[in-house]
mmCIF file of all heavy atoms, coordinates in Angstrom:
data_MODEL
# 
_entry.id   MODEL 
# 
loop_
_atom_site.group_PDB 
_atom_site.id 
_atom_site.type_symbol 
_atom_site.label_atom_id 
_atom_site.label_alt_id 
_atom_site.label_comp_id 
_atom_site.label_asym_id 
_atom_site.label_entity_id 
_atom_site.label_seq_id 
_atom_site.pdbx_PDB_ins_code 
_atom_site.Cartn_x 
_atom_site.Cartn_y 
_atom_site.Cartn_z 
_atom_site.occupancy 
_atom_site.B_iso_or_equiv 
_atom_site.pdbx_formal_charge 
_atom_site.auth_seq_id 
_atom_site.auth_comp_id 
_atom_site.auth_asym_id 
_atom_site.auth_atom_id 
_atom_site.pdbx_PDB_model_num 
ATOM 1   N N   . LEU A 1 1  ? -16.236 -4.561 39.240 1.00 0.00 ? 1  LEU A N   1 
ATOM 2   C CA  . LEU A 1 1  ? -15.399 -4.800 38.099 1.00 0.00 ? 1  LEU A CA  1 
ATOM 3   C C   . LEU A 1 1  ? -16.316 -5.044 36.902 1.00 0.00 ? 1  LEU A C   1 
ATOM 4   O O   . LEU A 1 1  ? -16.070 -4.476 35.737 1.00 0.00 ? 1  LEU A O   1 
ATOM 5   C CB  . LEU A 1 1  ? -14.510 -5.921 38.348 1.00 0.00 ? 1  LEU A CB  1 
ATOM 6   C CG  . LEU A 1 1  ? -13.606 -6.379 37.212 1.00 0.00 ? 1  LEU A CG  1 
ATOM 7   C CD1 . LEU A 1 1  ? -12.725 -5.274 36.628 1.00 0.00 ? 1  LEU A CD1 1 
ATOM 8   C CD2 . LEU A 1 1  ? -12.803 -7.577 37.502 1.00 0.00 ? 1  LEU A CD2 1 
ATOM 9   N N   . ILE A 1 2  ? -17.309 -5.888 37.047 1.00 0.00 ? 2  ILE A N   1 
ATOM 10  C CA  . ILE A 1 2  ? -18.175 -6.230 35.891 1.00 0.00 ? 2  ILE A CA  1 
ATOM 11  C C   . ILE A 1 2  ? -18.930 -5.013 35.512 1.00 0.00 ? 2  ILE A C   1 
ATOM 12  O O   . ILE A 1 2  ? -19.127 -4.798 34.307 1.00 0.00 ? 2  ILE A O   1 
ATOM 13  C CB  . ILE A 1 2  ? -19.088 -7.424 36.387 1.00 0.00 ? 2  ILE A CB  1 
ATOM 14  C CG1 . ILE A 1 2  ? -18.258 -8.640 36.613 1.00 0.00 ? 2  ILE A CG1 1 
ATOM 15  C CG2 . ILE A 1 2  ? -19.998 -7.710 35.182 1.00 0.00 ? 2  ILE A CG2 1 
ATOM 16  C CD1 . ILE A 1 2  ? -19.041 -9.806 37.125 1.00 0.00 ? 2  ILE A CD1 1 
ATOM 17  N N   . ILE A 1 3  ? -19.469 -4.264 36.454 1.00 0.00 ? 3  ILE A N   1 
ATOM 18  C CA  . ILE A 1 3  ? -20.183 -3.058 36.082 1.00 0.00 ? 3  ILE A CA  1 
ATOM 19  C C   . ILE A 1 3  ? -19.428 -2.043 35.279 1.00 0.00 ? 3  ILE A C   1 
ATOM 20  O O   . ILE A 1 3  ? -19.922 -1.450 34.301 1.00 0.00 ? 3  ILE A O   1 
ATOM 21  C CB  . ILE A 1 3  ? -20.883 -2.444 37.402 1.00 0.00 ? 3  ILE A CB  1 
ATOM 22  C CG1 . ILE A 1 3  ? -21.943 -3.339 37.903 1.00 0.00 ? 3  ILE A CG1 1 
ATOM 23  C CG2 . ILE A 1 3  ? -21.445 -1.041 37.080 1.00 0.00 ? 3  ILE A CG2 1 
ATOM 24  C CD1 . ILE A 1 3  ? -22.373 -2.950 39.344 1.00 0.00 ? 3  ILE A CD1 1 
ATOM 25  N N   . SER A 1 4  ? -18.134 -1.991 35.698 1.00 0.00 ? 4  SER A N   1 
ATOM 26  C CA  . SER A 1 4  ? -17.275 -0.950 34.994 1.00 0.00 ? 4  SER A CA  1 
ATOM 27  C C   . SER A 1 4  ? -17.130 -1.449 33.533 1.00 0.00 ? 4  SER A C   1 
ATOM 28  O O   . SER A 1 4  ? -17.089 -0.658 32.553 1.00 0.00 ? 4  SER A O   1 
ATOM 29  C CB  . SER A 1 4  ? -15.868 -0.982 35.704 1.00 0.00 ? 4  SER A CB  1 
ATOM 30  O OG  . SER A 1 4  ? -14.979 -0.231 34.932 1.00 0.00 ? 4  SER A OG  1 
ATOM 31  N N   . THR A 1 5  ? -16.971 -2.843 33.354 1.00 0.00 ? 5  THR A N   1 
ATOM 32  C CA  . THR A 1 5  ? -16.784 -3.304 32.063 1.00 0.00 ? 5  THR A CA  1 
ATOM 33  C C   . THR A 1 5  ? -18.086 -3.119 31.216 1.00 0.00 ? 5  THR A C   1 
ATOM 34  O O   . THR A 1 5  ? -18.058 -2.746 30.033 1.00 0.00 ? 5  THR A O   1 
ATOM 35  C CB  . THR A 1 5  ? -16.540 -4.892 32.068 1.00 0.00 ? 5  THR A CB  1 
ATOM 36  O OG1 . THR A 1 5  ? -15.451 -5.078 32.902 1.00 0.00 ? 5  THR A OG1 1 
ATOM 37  C CG2 . THR A 1 5  ? -16.207 -5.387 30.703 1.00 0.00 ? 5  THR A CG2 1 
ATOM 38  N N   . VAL A 1 6  ? -19.285 -3.317 31.771 1.00 0.00 ? 6  VAL A N   1 
ATOM 39  C CA  . VAL A 1 6  ? -20.535 -3.137 31.168 1.00 0.00 ? 6  VAL A CA  1 
ATOM 40  C C   . VAL A 1 6  ? -20.675 -1.682 30.638 1.00 0.00 ? 6  VAL A C   1 
ATOM 41  O O   . VAL A 1 6  ? -21.026 -1.425 29.523 1.00 0.00 ? 6  VAL A O   1 
ATOM 42  C CB  . VAL A 1 6  ? -21.713 -3.530 31.990 1.00 0.00 ? 6  VAL A CB  1 
ATOM 43  C CG1 . VAL A 1 6  ? -23.015 -3.103 31.345 1.00 0.00 ? 6  VAL A CG1 1 
ATOM 44  C CG2 . VAL A 1 6  ? -21.680 -5.068 32.257 1.00 0.00 ? 6  VAL A CG2 1 
ATOM 45  N N   . VAL A 1 7  ? -20.399 -0.738 31.606 1.00 0.00 ? 7  VAL A N   1 
ATOM 46  C CA  . VAL A 1 7  ? -20.438 0.640  31.295 1.00 0.00 ? 7  VAL A CA  1 
ATOM 47  C C   . VAL A 1 7  ? -19.621 1.040  29.971 1.00 0.00 ? 7  VAL A C   1 
ATOM 48  O O   . VAL A 1 7  ? -20.054 1.755  29.087 1.00 0.00 ? 7  VAL A O   1 
ATOM 49  C CB  . VAL A 1 7  ? -20.124 1.587  32.437 1.00 0.00 ? 7  VAL A CB  1 
ATOM 50  C CG1 . VAL A 1 7  ? -19.950 2.993  32.076 1.00 0.00 ? 7  VAL A CG1 1 
ATOM 51  C CG2 . VAL A 1 7  ? -21.129 1.470  33.576 1.00 0.00 ? 7  VAL A CG2 1 
ATOM 52  N N   . GLN A 1 8  ? -18.361 0.461  29.882 1.00 0.00 ? 8  GLN A N   1 
ATOM 53  C CA  . GLN A 1 8  ? -17.565 0.850  28.816 1.00 0.00 ? 8  GLN A CA  1 
ATOM 54  C C   . GLN A 1 8  ? -17.809 0.060  27.554 1.00 0.00 ? 8  GLN A C   1 
ATOM 55  O O   . GLN A 1 8  ? -17.352 0.440  26.493 1.00 0.00 ? 8  GLN A O   1 
ATOM 56  C CB  . GLN A 1 8  ? -15.999 0.610  29.256 1.00 0.00 ? 8  GLN A CB  1 
ATOM 57  C CG  . GLN A 1 8  ? -15.623 1.501  30.409 1.00 0.00 ? 8  GLN A CG  1 
ATOM 58  C CD  . GLN A 1 8  ? -15.713 2.971  30.155 1.00 0.00 ? 8  GLN A CD  1 
ATOM 59  O OE1 . GLN A 1 8  ? -15.819 3.396  28.983 1.00 0.00 ? 8  GLN A OE1 1 
ATOM 60  N NE2 . GLN A 1 8  ? -15.617 3.850  31.194 1.00 0.00 ? 8  GLN A NE2 1 
ATOM 61  N N   . GLY A 1 9  ? -18.534 -1.070 27.668 1.00 0.00 ? 9  GLY A N   1 
ATOM 62  C CA  . GLY A 1 9  ? -18.856 -1.777 26.470 1.00 0.00 ? 9  GLY A CA  1 
ATOM 63  C C   . GLY A 1 9  ? -17.853 -2.914 26.161 1.00 0.00 ? 9  GLY A C   1 
ATOM 64  O O   . GLY A 1 9  ? -16.982 -3.216 26.966 1.00 0.00 ? 9  GLY A O   1 
ATOM 65  N N   . TYR A 1 10 ? -17.995 -3.441 24.990 1.00 0.00 ? 10 TYR A N   1 
ATOM 66  C CA  . TYR A 1 10 ? -17.094 -4.636 24.628 1.00 0.00 ? 10 TYR A CA  1 
ATOM 67  C C   . TYR A 1 10 ? -15.765 -4.237 24.027 1.00 0.00 ? 10 TYR A C   1 
ATOM 68  O O   . TYR A 1 10 ? -15.605 -3.080 23.544 1.00 0.00 ? 10 TYR A O   1 
ATOM 69  C CB  . TYR A 1 10 ? -17.821 -5.490 23.534 1.00 0.00 ? 10 TYR A CB  1 
ATOM 70  C CG  . TYR A 1 10 ? -19.122 -6.158 24.007 1.00 0.00 ? 10 TYR A CG  1 
ATOM 71  C CD1 . TYR A 1 10 ? -20.344 -5.622 23.616 1.00 0.00 ? 10 TYR A CD1 1 
ATOM 72  C CD2 . TYR A 1 10 ? -19.087 -7.225 24.821 1.00 0.00 ? 10 TYR A CD2 1 
ATOM 73  C CE1 . TYR A 1 10 ? -21.492 -6.188 23.952 1.00 0.00 ? 10 TYR A CE1 1 
ATOM 74  C CE2 . TYR A 1 10 ? -20.356 -7.917 25.123 1.00 0.00 ? 10 TYR A CE2 1 
ATOM 75  C CZ  . TYR A 1 10 ? -21.506 -7.342 24.733 1.00 0.00 ? 10 TYR A CZ  1 
ATOM 76  O OH  . TYR A 1 10 ? -22.694 -7.942 25.017 1.00 0.00 ? 10 TYR A OH  1 
ATOM 77  N N   . GLY A 1 11 ? -14.834 -5.173 23.964 1.00 0.00 ? 11 GLY A N   1 
ATOM 78  C CA  . GLY A 1 11 ? -13.778 -5.090 23.046 1.00 0.00 ? 11 GLY A CA  1 
ATOM 79  C C   . GLY A 1 11 ? -12.534 -4.325 23.356 1.00 0.00 ? 11 GLY A C   1 
ATOM 80  O O   . GLY A 1 11 ? -11.528 -4.408 22.756 1.00 0.00 ? 11 GLY A O   1 
ATOM 81  N N   . ILE A 1 12 ? -12.495 -3.458 24.396 1.00 0.00 ? 12 ILE A N   1 
ATOM 82  C CA  . ILE A 1 12 ? -11.274 -2.737 24.771 1.00 0.00 ? 12 ILE A CA  1 
ATOM 83  C C   . ILE A 1 12 ? -10.891 -3.073 26.180 1.00 0.00 ? 12 ILE A C   1 
ATOM 84  O O   . ILE A 1 12 ? -11.670 -2.705 27.127 1.00 0.00 ? 12 ILE A O   1 
ATOM 85  C CB  . ILE A 1 12 ? -11.537 -1.129 24.659 1.00 0.00 ? 12 ILE A CB  1 
ATOM 86  C CG1 . ILE A 1 12 ? -12.005 -0.743 23.255 1.00 0.00 ? 12 ILE A CG1 1 
ATOM 87  C CG2 . ILE A 1 12 ? -10.300 -0.400 24.966 1.00 0.00 ? 12 ILE A CG2 1 
ATOM 88  C CD1 . ILE A 1 12 ? -11.004 -0.997 22.103 1.00 0.00 ? 12 ILE A CD1 1 
ATOM 89  N N   . ASN A 1 13 ? -9.819  -3.711 26.284 1.00 0.00 ? 13 ASN A N   1 
ATOM 90  C CA  . ASN A 1 13 ? -9.485  -4.393 27.628 1.00 0.00 ? 13 ASN A CA  1 
ATOM 91  C C   . ASN A 1 13 ? -8.038  -3.835 28.056 1.00 0.00 ? 13 ASN A C   1 
ATOM 92  O O   . ASN A 1 13 ? -7.289  -3.298 27.228 1.00 0.00 ? 13 ASN A O   1 
ATOM 93  C CB  . ASN A 1 13 ? -9.450  -5.840 27.423 1.00 0.00 ? 13 ASN A CB  1 
ATOM 94  C CG  . ASN A 1 13 ? -10.788 -6.436 26.925 1.00 0.00 ? 13 ASN A CG  1 
ATOM 95  O OD1 . ASN A 1 13 ? -11.712 -6.309 27.569 1.00 0.00 ? 13 ASN A OD1 1 
ATOM 96  N ND2 . ASN A 1 13 ? -10.626 -7.052 25.745 1.00 0.00 ? 13 ASN A ND2 1 
ATOM 97  N N   . ASP A 1 14 ? -7.807  -4.025 29.285 1.00 0.00 ? 14 ASP A N   1 
ATOM 98  C CA  . ASP A 1 14 ? -6.479  -3.717 29.881 1.00 0.00 ? 14 ASP A CA  1 
ATOM 99  C C   . ASP A 1 14 ? -6.160  -2.255 29.769 1.00 0.00 ? 14 ASP A C   1 
ATOM 100 O O   . ASP A 1 14 ? -4.951  -1.881 29.483 1.00 0.00 ? 14 ASP A O   1 
ATOM 101 C CB  . ASP A 1 14 ? -5.392  -4.625 29.254 1.00 0.00 ? 14 ASP A CB  1 
ATOM 102 C CG  . ASP A 1 14 ? -5.432  -6.002 29.787 1.00 0.00 ? 14 ASP A CG  1 
ATOM 103 O OD1 . ASP A 1 14 ? -6.415  -6.362 30.410 1.00 0.00 ? 14 ASP A OD1 1 
ATOM 104 O OD2 . ASP A 1 14 ? -4.515  -6.788 29.477 1.00 0.00 ? 14 ASP A OD2 1 
ATOM 105 N N   . LEU A 1 15 ? -7.143  -1.360 30.036 1.00 0.00 ? 15 LEU A N   1 
ATOM 106 C CA  . LEU A 1 15 ? -6.836  0.050  29.964 1.00 0.00 ? 15 LEU A CA  1 
ATOM 107 C C   . LEU A 1 15 ? -6.477  0.625  31.315 1.00 0.00 ? 15 LEU A C   1 
ATOM 108 O O   . LEU A 1 15 ? -6.569  1.867  31.466 1.00 0.00 ? 15 LEU A O   1 
ATOM 109 C CB  . LEU A 1 15 ? -8.036  0.820  29.267 1.00 0.00 ? 15 LEU A CB  1 
ATOM 110 C CG  . LEU A 1 15 ? -8.243  0.440  27.773 1.00 0.00 ? 15 LEU A CG  1 
ATOM 111 C CD1 . LEU A 1 15 ? -9.325  1.299  27.178 1.00 0.00 ? 15 LEU A CD1 1 
ATOM 112 C CD2 . LEU A 1 15 ? -6.923  0.412  26.949 1.00 0.00 ? 15 LEU A CD2 1 
ATOM 113 N N   . ASP A 1 16 ? -6.145  -0.256 32.192 1.00 0.00 ? 16 ASP A N   1 
ATOM 114 C CA  . ASP A 1 16 ? -5.732  0.296  33.545 1.00 0.00 ? 16 ASP A CA  1 
ATOM 115 C C   . ASP A 1 16 ? -4.244  0.384  33.617 1.00 0.00 ? 16 ASP A C   1 
ATOM 116 O O   . ASP A 1 16 ? -3.677  0.687  34.674 1.00 0.00 ? 16 ASP A O   1 
ATOM 117 C CB  . ASP A 1 16 ? -6.326  -0.537 34.635 1.00 0.00 ? 16 ASP A CB  1 
ATOM 118 C CG  . ASP A 1 16 ? -5.889  -2.081 34.529 1.00 0.00 ? 16 ASP A CG  1 
ATOM 119 O OD1 . ASP A 1 16 ? -5.335  -2.363 33.394 1.00 0.00 ? 16 ASP A OD1 1 
ATOM 120 O OD2 . ASP A 1 16 ? -6.081  -2.852 35.425 1.00 0.00 ? 16 ASP A OD2 1 
ATOM 121 N N   . ASN A 1 17 ? -3.580  0.096  32.534 1.00 0.00 ? 17 ASN A N   1 
ATOM 122 C CA  . ASN A 1 17 ? -2.126  0.259  32.560 1.00 0.00 ? 17 ASN A CA  1 
ATOM 123 C C   . ASN A 1 17 ? -1.695  1.665  32.653 1.00 0.00 ? 17 ASN A C   1 
ATOM 124 O O   . ASN A 1 17 ? -2.156  2.534  32.018 1.00 0.00 ? 17 ASN A O   1 
ATOM 125 C CB  . ASN A 1 17 ? -1.530  -0.276 31.236 1.00 0.00 ? 17 ASN A CB  1 
ATOM 126 C CG  . ASN A 1 17 ? -0.042  -0.568 31.293 1.00 0.00 ? 17 ASN A CG  1 
ATOM 127 O OD1 . ASN A 1 17 ? 0.712   0.354  31.288 1.00 0.00 ? 17 ASN A OD1 1 
ATOM 128 N ND2 . ASN A 1 17 ? 0.433   -1.823 31.343 1.00 0.00 ? 17 ASN A ND2 1 
ATOM 129 N N   . PRO A 1 18 ? -0.715  1.966  33.558 1.00 0.00 ? 18 PRO A N   1 
ATOM 130 C CA  . PRO A 1 18 ? -0.255  3.371  33.693 1.00 0.00 ? 18 PRO A CA  1 
ATOM 131 C C   . PRO A 1 18 ? 0.165   4.097  32.512 1.00 0.00 ? 18 PRO A C   1 
ATOM 132 O O   . PRO A 1 18 ? 0.345   5.347  32.468 1.00 0.00 ? 18 PRO A O   1 
ATOM 133 C CB  . PRO A 1 18 ? 0.779   3.328  34.818 1.00 0.00 ? 18 PRO A CB  1 
ATOM 134 C CG  . PRO A 1 18 ? 1.273   1.938  34.799 1.00 0.00 ? 18 PRO A CG  1 
ATOM 135 C CD  . PRO A 1 18 ? 0.033   1.105  34.369 1.00 0.00 ? 18 PRO A CD  1 
ATOM 136 N N   . CYS A 1 19 ? 0.619   3.283  31.473 1.00 0.00 ? 19 CYS A N   1 
ATOM 137 C CA  . CYS A 1 19 ? 1.089   3.892  30.194 1.00 0.00 ? 19 CYS A CA  1 
ATOM 138 C C   . CYS A 1 19 ? 0.108   4.476  29.465 1.00 0.00 ? 19 CYS A C   1 
ATOM 139 O O   . CYS A 1 19 ? 0.304   5.360  28.524 1.00 0.00 ? 19 CYS A O   1 
ATOM 140 C CB  . CYS A 1 19 ? 1.834   2.815  29.464 1.00 0.00 ? 19 CYS A CB  1 
ATOM 141 S SG  . CYS A 1 19 ? 3.536   2.403  30.104 1.00 0.00 ? 19 CYS A SG  1 
ATOM 142 N N   . LEU A 1 20 ? -1.106  4.276  29.778 1.00 0.00 ? 20 LEU A N   1 
ATOM 143 C CA  . LEU A 1 20 ? -2.355  4.965  29.104 1.00 0.00 ? 20 LEU A CA  1 
ATOM 144 C C   . LEU A 1 20 ? -2.490  6.282  29.800 1.00 0.00 ? 20 LEU A C   1 
ATOM 145 O O   . LEU A 1 20 ? -3.064  6.351  30.913 1.00 0.00 ? 20 LEU A O   1 
ATOM 146 C CB  . LEU A 1 20 ? -3.588  4.162  29.175 1.00 0.00 ? 20 LEU A CB  1 
ATOM 147 C CG  . LEU A 1 20 ? -4.859  4.877  28.563 1.00 0.00 ? 20 LEU A CG  1 
ATOM 148 C CD1 . LEU A 1 20 ? -4.719  5.306  27.196 1.00 0.00 ? 20 LEU A CD1 1 
ATOM 149 C CD2 . LEU A 1 20 ? -6.127  4.016  28.679 1.00 0.00 ? 20 LEU A CD2 1 
ATOM 150 N N   . ARG A 1 21 ? -2.006  7.354  29.284 1.00 0.00 ? 21 ARG A N   1 
ATOM 151 C CA  . ARG A 1 21 ? -1.908  8.691  29.911 1.00 0.00 ? 21 ARG A CA  1 
ATOM 152 C C   . ARG A 1 21 ? -1.897  9.760  28.829 1.00 0.00 ? 21 ARG A C   1 
ATOM 153 O O   . ARG A 1 21 ? -1.827  9.423  27.616 1.00 0.00 ? 21 ARG A O   1 
ATOM 154 C CB  . ARG A 1 21 ? -0.612  8.835  30.684 1.00 0.00 ? 21 ARG A CB  1 
ATOM 155 C CG  . ARG A 1 21 ? 0.631   8.766  29.911 1.00 0.00 ? 21 ARG A CG  1 
ATOM 156 C CD  . ARG A 1 21 ? 1.847   8.366  30.659 1.00 0.00 ? 21 ARG A CD  1 
ATOM 157 N NE  . ARG A 1 21 ? 3.184   8.578  29.920 1.00 0.00 ? 21 ARG A NE  1 
ATOM 158 C CZ  . ARG A 1 21 ? 3.702   7.683  29.093 1.00 0.00 ? 21 ARG A CZ  1 
ATOM 159 N NH1 . ARG A 1 21 ? 3.041   6.635  28.689 1.00 0.00 ? 21 ARG A NH1 1 
ATOM 160 N NH2 . ARG A 1 21 ? 4.853   8.001  28.464 1.00 0.00 ? 21 ARG A NH2 1 
ATOM 161 N N   . GLU A 1 22 ? -1.986  10.949 29.278 1.00 0.00 ? 22 GLU A N   1 
ATOM 162 C CA  . GLU A 1 22 ? -1.774  12.084 28.354 1.00 0.00 ? 22 GLU A CA  1 
ATOM 163 C C   . GLU A 1 22 ? -0.381  12.152 27.939 1.00 0.00 ? 22 GLU A C   1 
ATOM 164 O O   . GLU A 1 22 ? 0.597   12.142 28.796 1.00 0.00 ? 22 GLU A O   1 
ATOM 165 C CB  . GLU A 1 22 ? -2.199  13.477 28.974 1.00 0.00 ? 22 GLU A CB  1 
ATOM 166 C CG  . GLU A 1 22 ? -2.096  14.547 28.018 1.00 0.00 ? 22 GLU A CG  1 
ATOM 167 C CD  . GLU A 1 22 ? -2.425  15.900 28.689 1.00 0.00 ? 22 GLU A CD  1 
ATOM 168 O OE1 . GLU A 1 22 ? -2.853  15.873 29.861 1.00 0.00 ? 22 GLU A OE1 1 
ATOM 169 O OE2 . GLU A 1 22 ? -2.280  16.931 28.062 1.00 0.00 ? 22 GLU A OE2 1 
ATOM 170 N N   . CYS A 1 23 ? -0.131  12.273 26.603 1.00 0.00 ? 23 CYS A N   1 
ATOM 171 C CA  . CYS A 1 23 ? 1.287   12.173 26.078 1.00 0.00 ? 23 CYS A CA  1 
ATOM 172 C C   . CYS A 1 23 ? 1.799   13.628 25.946 1.00 0.00 ? 23 CYS A C   1 
ATOM 173 O O   . CYS A 1 23 ? 1.241   14.441 25.252 1.00 0.00 ? 23 CYS A O   1 
ATOM 174 C CB  . CYS A 1 23 ? 1.327   11.495 24.749 1.00 0.00 ? 23 CYS A CB  1 
ATOM 175 S SG  . CYS A 1 23 ? 0.725   9.782  24.739 1.00 0.00 ? 23 CYS A SG  1 
ATOM 176 N N   . THR A 1 24 ? 2.761   13.966 26.700 1.00 0.00 ? 24 THR A N   1 
ATOM 177 C CA  . THR A 1 24 ? 3.275   15.266 26.893 1.00 0.00 ? 24 THR A CA  1 
ATOM 178 C C   . THR A 1 24 ? 4.723   15.414 26.250 1.00 0.00 ? 24 THR A C   1 
ATOM 179 O O   . THR A 1 24 ? 5.289   16.583 26.244 1.00 0.00 ? 24 THR A O   1 
ATOM 180 C CB  . THR A 1 24 ? 3.427   15.698 28.334 1.00 0.00 ? 24 THR A CB  1 
ATOM 181 O OG1 . THR A 1 24 ? 4.290   14.816 29.021 1.00 0.00 ? 24 THR A OG1 1 
ATOM 182 C CG2 . THR A 1 24 ? 2.006   15.643 28.936 1.00 0.00 ? 24 THR A CG2 1 
ATOM 183 N N   . GLY A 1 25 ? 5.338   14.331 25.787 1.00 0.00 ? 25 GLY A N   1 
ATOM 184 C CA  . GLY A 1 25 ? 6.730   14.448 25.277 1.00 0.00 ? 25 GLY A CA  1 
ATOM 185 C C   . GLY A 1 25 ? 7.684   14.331 26.354 1.00 0.00 ? 25 GLY A C   1 
ATOM 186 O O   . GLY A 1 25 ? 8.925   14.567 26.098 1.00 0.00 ? 25 GLY A O   1 
# 
């Protein structure tokens, strides 16, 4: 979990929500 956070950097959290997806309408 920590390594995943380090790879992505600081400041953007909680992006595992299923609502983050390709928006198709």
